[in-house]
């Protein structure tokens, strides 16, 4: 599978979080579902029915159903392999996005090395 464009980092619209987009696990999940469907459609239907039965409950019931489906369909652990070039590109994207978050800006504003006017520290000039 081509990994081009599969993994990226960016800042969210509110500048609160770094968003990591990884399309690899979705592709792998769909590949496993398609293979299982080609082999035995009933297994996939039962697996999806099992998930549908607990989707509204969430929590432990959902987690258990997901574990069962992953075992039944022999799904691999979601992992993403990176070439050196992809790892460096992603690192650059993360390093560019992280300092832009509001929490990073707030932390920087409270740092001792920030230069401020006397009135910003409650002092009178």
N, C-alpha and C. Protein backbone atom coordinates (compact mmCIF):
# COMPACT_ATOMS: atom_id res chain seq x y z
N UNK A 1 0.85 -1.18 0.00
CA UNK A 1 0.00 0.00 0.00
C UNK A 1 0.89 1.23 0.00
N UNK A 2 0.53 2.19 -0.78
CA UNK A 2 1.25 3.45 -0.82
C UNK A 2 0.96 4.24 0.44
N UNK A 3 2.00 4.74 1.09
CA UNK A 3 1.83 5.49 2.32
C UNK A 3 1.82 6.99 2.08
N UNK A 4 1.99 7.42 0.82
CA UNK A 4 2.01 8.85 0.52
C UNK A 4 0.73 9.52 0.98
N UNK A 5 0.87 10.58 1.74
CA UNK A 5 -0.29 11.35 2.18
C UNK A 5 -1.12 10.69 3.25
N UNK A 6 -0.64 9.63 3.88
CA UNK A 6 -1.43 8.89 4.85
C UNK A 6 -1.32 9.46 6.27
N UNK A 7 -0.23 10.13 6.58
CA UNK A 7 0.03 10.56 7.95
C UNK A 7 0.47 12.03 7.95
N UNK A 8 -0.32 12.87 8.63
CA UNK A 8 -0.02 14.30 8.68
C UNK A 8 -0.41 14.87 10.04
N UNK A 9 0.22 15.98 10.39
CA UNK A 9 -0.12 16.71 11.61
C UNK A 9 -0.41 18.15 11.23
N UNK A 10 -1.41 18.73 11.94
CA UNK A 10 -1.76 20.13 11.71
C UNK A 10 -2.41 20.67 12.98
N UNK A 11 -2.58 21.97 13.04
CA UNK A 11 -3.24 22.62 14.17
C UNK A 11 -4.75 22.64 13.89
N UNK A 12 -5.59 22.50 14.92
CA UNK A 12 -7.04 22.52 14.70
C UNK A 12 -7.52 23.96 14.51
N UNK A 13 -8.78 24.10 14.12
CA UNK A 13 -9.35 25.41 13.79
C UNK A 13 -9.37 26.36 14.98
N UNK A 14 -9.50 25.85 16.18
CA UNK A 14 -9.53 26.69 17.38
C UNK A 14 -8.13 26.90 17.96
N UNK A 15 -7.12 26.33 17.34
CA UNK A 15 -5.73 26.43 17.78
C UNK A 15 -5.54 25.86 19.18
N UNK A 16 -6.30 24.85 19.53
CA UNK A 16 -6.22 24.26 20.86
C UNK A 16 -5.41 22.95 20.86
N UNK A 17 -5.45 22.23 19.75
CA UNK A 17 -4.83 20.90 19.69
C UNK A 17 -4.10 20.71 18.37
N UNK A 18 -3.15 19.79 18.40
CA UNK A 18 -2.53 19.32 17.17
C UNK A 18 -3.34 18.10 16.73
N UNK A 19 -3.74 18.10 15.47
CA UNK A 19 -4.51 16.99 14.91
C UNK A 19 -3.56 16.08 14.14
N UNK A 20 -3.55 14.81 14.48
CA UNK A 20 -2.75 13.83 13.76
C UNK A 20 -3.69 13.00 12.91
N UNK A 21 -3.50 13.03 11.61
CA UNK A 21 -4.34 12.25 10.71
C UNK A 21 -3.54 11.05 10.22
N UNK A 22 -4.06 9.87 10.49
CA UNK A 22 -3.41 8.63 10.06
C UNK A 22 -4.46 7.76 9.38
N UNK A 23 -4.39 7.69 8.07
CA UNK A 23 -5.38 6.92 7.31
C UNK A 23 -5.02 5.45 7.23
N UNK A 24 -3.82 5.07 7.66
CA UNK A 24 -3.36 3.69 7.57
C UNK A 24 -4.25 2.68 8.27
N UNK A 25 -4.59 2.90 9.57
CA UNK A 25 -5.46 1.92 10.25
C UNK A 25 -6.82 1.74 9.57
N UNK A 26 -7.39 2.83 9.04
CA UNK A 26 -8.67 2.71 8.34
C UNK A 26 -8.52 1.85 7.10
N UNK A 27 -7.46 2.10 6.34
CA UNK A 27 -7.22 1.31 5.14
C UNK A 27 -7.04 -0.16 5.49
N UNK A 28 -6.28 -0.42 6.55
CA UNK A 28 -6.04 -1.81 6.96
C UNK A 28 -7.34 -2.47 7.42
N UNK A 29 -8.17 -1.75 8.17
CA UNK A 29 -9.45 -2.28 8.62
C UNK A 29 -10.33 -2.63 7.43
N UNK A 30 -10.42 -1.73 6.46
CA UNK A 30 -11.24 -2.00 5.27
C UNK A 30 -10.69 -3.17 4.46
N UNK A 31 -9.36 -3.29 4.41
CA UNK A 31 -8.76 -4.42 3.69
C UNK A 31 -9.14 -5.73 4.37
N UNK A 32 -9.03 -5.78 5.71
CA UNK A 32 -9.38 -6.99 6.45
C UNK A 32 -10.86 -7.32 6.28
N UNK A 33 -11.74 -6.31 6.35
CA UNK A 33 -13.17 -6.53 6.13
C UNK A 33 -13.45 -7.08 4.73
N UNK A 34 -12.80 -6.51 3.74
CA UNK A 34 -13.01 -6.97 2.36
C UNK A 34 -12.53 -8.41 2.19
N UNK A 35 -11.38 -8.74 2.77
CA UNK A 35 -10.88 -10.12 2.69
C UNK A 35 -11.84 -11.08 3.39
N UNK A 36 -12.31 -10.70 4.58
CA UNK A 36 -13.25 -11.56 5.31
C UNK A 36 -14.55 -11.70 4.54
N UNK A 37 -15.02 -10.61 3.93
CA UNK A 37 -16.26 -10.64 3.14
C UNK A 37 -16.11 -11.60 1.96
N UNK A 38 -14.97 -11.56 1.30
CA UNK A 38 -14.73 -12.45 0.16
C UNK A 38 -14.67 -13.91 0.61
N UNK A 39 -14.19 -14.13 1.82
CA UNK A 39 -14.05 -15.49 2.34
C UNK A 39 -15.37 -16.04 2.89
N UNK A 40 -16.05 -15.25 3.74
CA UNK A 40 -17.30 -15.69 4.36
C UNK A 40 -18.10 -14.47 4.80
N UNK A 41 -19.06 -14.08 3.98
CA UNK A 41 -19.85 -12.87 4.26
C UNK A 41 -20.59 -12.95 5.59
N UNK A 42 -21.01 -14.13 5.97
CA UNK A 42 -21.77 -14.28 7.22
C UNK A 42 -20.95 -13.88 8.45
N UNK A 43 -19.64 -14.14 8.42
CA UNK A 43 -18.78 -13.76 9.54
C UNK A 43 -18.76 -12.24 9.69
N UNK A 44 -18.66 -11.53 8.56
CA UNK A 44 -18.64 -10.07 8.61
C UNK A 44 -19.99 -9.53 9.07
N UNK A 45 -21.06 -10.10 8.58
CA UNK A 45 -22.40 -9.65 8.97
C UNK A 45 -22.60 -9.86 10.47
N UNK A 46 -22.21 -11.02 10.99
CA UNK A 46 -22.33 -11.28 12.43
C UNK A 46 -21.48 -10.29 13.23
N UNK A 47 -20.28 -10.00 12.75
CA UNK A 47 -19.40 -9.07 13.45
C UNK A 47 -20.02 -7.67 13.50
N UNK A 48 -20.55 -7.21 12.37
CA UNK A 48 -21.16 -5.88 12.34
C UNK A 48 -22.45 -5.85 13.17
N UNK A 49 -23.21 -6.92 13.14
CA UNK A 49 -24.41 -7.00 14.00
C UNK A 49 -24.03 -6.93 15.47
N UNK A 50 -22.95 -7.59 15.83
CA UNK A 50 -22.47 -7.58 17.22
C UNK A 50 -22.11 -6.15 17.64
N UNK A 51 -21.44 -5.42 16.76
CA UNK A 51 -21.10 -4.03 17.07
C UNK A 51 -22.35 -3.15 17.12
N UNK A 52 -23.25 -3.36 16.18
CA UNK A 52 -24.48 -2.55 16.14
C UNK A 52 -25.31 -2.73 17.40
N UNK A 53 -25.27 -3.91 17.99
CA UNK A 53 -26.07 -4.20 19.17
C UNK A 53 -25.63 -3.40 20.40
N UNK A 54 -24.37 -2.96 20.42
CA UNK A 54 -23.86 -2.27 21.61
C UNK A 54 -23.35 -0.85 21.32
N UNK A 55 -23.51 -0.39 20.10
CA UNK A 55 -22.94 0.92 19.74
C UNK A 55 -23.49 2.04 20.62
N UNK A 56 -24.75 1.99 20.98
CA UNK A 56 -25.35 3.04 21.81
C UNK A 56 -24.89 2.96 23.26
N UNK A 57 -24.53 1.76 23.72
CA UNK A 57 -24.09 1.58 25.10
C UNK A 57 -22.70 2.16 25.33
N UNK A 58 -21.83 1.98 24.35
CA UNK A 58 -20.45 2.45 24.48
C UNK A 58 -19.76 1.76 25.64
N UNK A 59 -18.71 2.37 26.15
CA UNK A 59 -18.00 1.87 27.33
C UNK A 59 -17.52 0.44 27.22
N UNK A 60 -17.61 -0.31 28.34
CA UNK A 60 -17.09 -1.68 28.37
C UNK A 60 -17.77 -2.62 27.37
N UNK A 61 -19.08 -2.43 27.14
CA UNK A 61 -19.78 -3.30 26.19
C UNK A 61 -19.22 -3.10 24.78
N UNK A 62 -19.00 -1.84 24.41
CA UNK A 62 -18.43 -1.55 23.09
C UNK A 62 -17.01 -2.10 23.00
N UNK A 63 -16.21 -1.86 24.03
CA UNK A 63 -14.82 -2.33 24.03
C UNK A 63 -14.76 -3.85 23.87
N UNK A 64 -15.62 -4.56 24.58
CA UNK A 64 -15.64 -6.02 24.50
C UNK A 64 -16.06 -6.48 23.10
N UNK A 65 -17.06 -5.81 22.53
CA UNK A 65 -17.51 -6.17 21.18
C UNK A 65 -16.40 -5.92 20.15
N UNK A 66 -15.71 -4.81 20.29
CA UNK A 66 -14.60 -4.50 19.37
C UNK A 66 -13.52 -5.57 19.50
N UNK A 67 -13.18 -5.94 20.74
CA UNK A 67 -12.17 -6.98 20.95
C UNK A 67 -12.60 -8.29 20.29
N UNK A 68 -13.87 -8.65 20.45
CA UNK A 68 -14.38 -9.89 19.85
C UNK A 68 -14.31 -9.84 18.33
N UNK A 69 -14.73 -8.72 17.75
CA UNK A 69 -14.72 -8.59 16.29
C UNK A 69 -13.29 -8.63 15.77
N UNK A 70 -12.39 -7.93 16.45
CA UNK A 70 -10.99 -7.96 16.01
C UNK A 70 -10.43 -9.37 16.05
N UNK A 71 -10.80 -10.14 17.07
CA UNK A 71 -10.34 -11.53 17.17
C UNK A 71 -10.99 -12.39 16.09
N UNK A 72 -12.32 -12.25 15.90
CA UNK A 72 -13.03 -13.05 14.91
C UNK A 72 -12.51 -12.81 13.49
N UNK A 73 -12.20 -11.56 13.18
CA UNK A 73 -11.74 -11.21 11.83
C UNK A 73 -10.22 -11.21 11.72
N UNK A 74 -9.53 -11.58 12.81
CA UNK A 74 -8.07 -11.66 12.84
C UNK A 74 -7.43 -10.35 12.37
N UNK A 75 -7.90 -9.26 12.97
CA UNK A 75 -7.38 -7.94 12.61
C UNK A 75 -6.05 -7.71 13.30
N UNK A 76 -5.08 -7.18 12.58
CA UNK A 76 -3.79 -6.88 13.20
C UNK A 76 -3.87 -5.62 14.05
N UNK A 77 -2.90 -5.45 14.94
CA UNK A 77 -2.81 -4.23 15.73
C UNK A 77 -2.59 -3.06 14.78
N UNK A 78 -3.26 -1.93 15.03
CA UNK A 78 -3.04 -0.78 14.14
C UNK A 78 -1.67 -0.16 14.38
N UNK A 79 -0.82 -0.30 13.40
CA UNK A 79 0.52 0.25 13.47
C UNK A 79 0.79 1.02 12.19
N UNK A 80 1.68 1.97 12.27
CA UNK A 80 2.06 2.74 11.10
C UNK A 80 3.57 2.73 10.98
N UNK A 81 4.06 2.20 9.88
CA UNK A 81 5.49 2.21 9.62
C UNK A 81 5.83 3.49 8.87
N UNK A 82 6.92 4.12 9.28
CA UNK A 82 7.35 5.36 8.65
C UNK A 82 8.73 5.18 8.05
N UNK A 83 8.89 5.67 6.84
CA UNK A 83 10.23 5.76 6.28
C UNK A 83 10.94 6.90 7.00
N UNK A 84 12.24 6.99 6.83
CA UNK A 84 12.97 8.09 7.46
C UNK A 84 12.43 9.42 6.95
N UNK A 85 12.16 9.51 5.66
CA UNK A 85 11.65 10.75 5.08
C UNK A 85 10.29 11.13 5.68
N UNK A 86 9.38 10.13 5.80
CA UNK A 86 8.06 10.39 6.39
C UNK A 86 8.18 10.79 7.86
N UNK A 87 9.08 10.12 8.59
CA UNK A 87 9.27 10.44 10.01
C UNK A 87 9.78 11.87 10.18
N UNK A 88 10.71 12.26 9.34
CA UNK A 88 11.25 13.62 9.42
C UNK A 88 10.19 14.65 9.03
N UNK A 89 9.40 14.35 7.98
CA UNK A 89 8.33 15.26 7.56
C UNK A 89 7.30 15.41 8.68
N UNK A 90 6.89 14.29 9.28
CA UNK A 90 5.91 14.34 10.36
C UNK A 90 6.48 15.10 11.57
N UNK A 91 7.73 14.85 11.89
CA UNK A 91 8.35 15.57 13.01
C UNK A 91 8.34 17.07 12.74
N UNK A 92 8.65 17.46 11.51
CA UNK A 92 8.61 18.88 11.16
C UNK A 92 7.21 19.46 11.30
N UNK A 93 6.18 18.70 10.85
CA UNK A 93 4.80 19.16 10.96
C UNK A 93 4.39 19.30 12.42
N UNK A 94 4.78 18.34 13.25
CA UNK A 94 4.45 18.41 14.68
C UNK A 94 5.17 19.57 15.36
N UNK A 95 6.43 19.76 15.03
CA UNK A 95 7.19 20.86 15.61
C UNK A 95 6.63 22.22 15.18
N UNK A 96 6.09 22.29 13.98
CA UNK A 96 5.49 23.54 13.51
C UNK A 96 4.14 23.79 14.18
N UNK A 97 3.37 22.74 14.40
CA UNK A 97 2.01 22.90 14.94
C UNK A 97 1.98 23.05 16.46
N UNK A 98 2.82 22.32 17.18
CA UNK A 98 2.75 22.30 18.65
C UNK A 98 2.86 23.68 19.29
N UNK A 99 3.80 24.53 18.89
CA UNK A 99 3.89 25.83 19.58
C UNK A 99 2.74 26.78 19.25
N UNK A 100 1.92 26.45 18.28
CA UNK A 100 0.80 27.31 17.91
C UNK A 100 -0.43 27.09 18.77
N UNK A 101 -0.47 26.00 19.53
CA UNK A 101 -1.65 25.73 20.34
C UNK A 101 -1.78 26.78 21.44
N UNK A 102 -3.01 27.00 21.86
CA UNK A 102 -3.26 28.01 22.90
C UNK A 102 -2.57 27.63 24.20
N UNK A 103 -2.51 26.33 24.53
CA UNK A 103 -1.85 25.94 25.77
C UNK A 103 -0.36 26.26 25.70
N UNK A 104 0.26 26.09 24.54
CA UNK A 104 1.68 26.44 24.40
C UNK A 104 1.86 27.94 24.50
N UNK A 105 0.95 28.70 23.93
CA UNK A 105 1.05 30.16 24.00
C UNK A 105 0.84 30.65 25.43
N UNK A 106 -0.12 30.03 26.14
CA UNK A 106 -0.38 30.41 27.54
C UNK A 106 0.85 30.10 28.39
N UNK A 107 1.44 28.95 28.17
CA UNK A 107 2.63 28.55 28.92
C UNK A 107 3.79 29.51 28.64
N UNK A 108 3.94 29.89 27.39
CA UNK A 108 5.00 30.84 27.03
C UNK A 108 4.76 32.20 27.66
N UNK A 109 3.50 32.61 27.73
CA UNK A 109 3.17 33.91 28.31
C UNK A 109 3.45 33.96 29.80
N UNK A 110 3.41 32.80 30.47
CA UNK A 110 3.65 32.75 31.91
C UNK A 110 5.12 32.50 32.24
N UNK A 111 5.93 32.25 31.21
CA UNK A 111 7.35 31.96 31.44
C UNK A 111 8.05 33.21 31.96
N UNK A 112 9.05 33.00 32.79
CA UNK A 112 9.78 34.12 33.40
C UNK A 112 10.52 34.96 32.38
N UNK A 113 10.94 34.36 31.27
CA UNK A 113 11.73 35.09 30.30
C UNK A 113 10.91 36.02 29.40
N UNK A 114 9.60 36.00 29.54
CA UNK A 114 8.76 36.89 28.76
C UNK A 114 8.95 38.32 29.25
N UNK A 115 9.23 39.21 28.33
CA UNK A 115 9.42 40.61 28.68
C UNK A 115 8.06 41.26 28.80
N UNK A 116 7.83 41.95 29.88
CA UNK A 116 6.55 42.61 30.11
C UNK A 116 6.79 44.01 30.65
N UNK A 117 5.84 44.88 30.45
CA UNK A 117 5.89 46.22 31.01
C UNK A 117 5.55 46.13 32.50
N UNK A 118 6.01 47.10 33.30
CA UNK A 118 5.76 47.06 34.75
C UNK A 118 4.29 46.91 35.12
N UNK A 119 3.39 47.57 34.40
CA UNK A 119 1.98 47.50 34.76
C UNK A 119 1.39 46.10 34.55
N UNK A 120 2.05 45.26 33.79
CA UNK A 120 1.55 43.90 33.55
C UNK A 120 1.87 42.98 34.72
N UNK A 121 2.72 43.42 35.63
CA UNK A 121 3.06 42.63 36.81
C UNK A 121 2.52 43.26 38.09
N UNK A 122 1.64 44.24 37.95
CA UNK A 122 1.05 44.88 39.11
C UNK A 122 1.97 45.94 39.71
N UNK A 123 3.06 46.24 39.05
CA UNK A 123 3.97 47.26 39.55
C UNK A 123 3.59 48.63 38.98
N UNK A 124 3.94 49.66 39.68
CA UNK A 124 3.69 51.01 39.19
C UNK A 124 5.02 51.60 38.74
N UNK A 125 5.04 52.10 37.54
CA UNK A 125 6.28 52.67 37.01
C UNK A 125 6.54 54.05 37.55
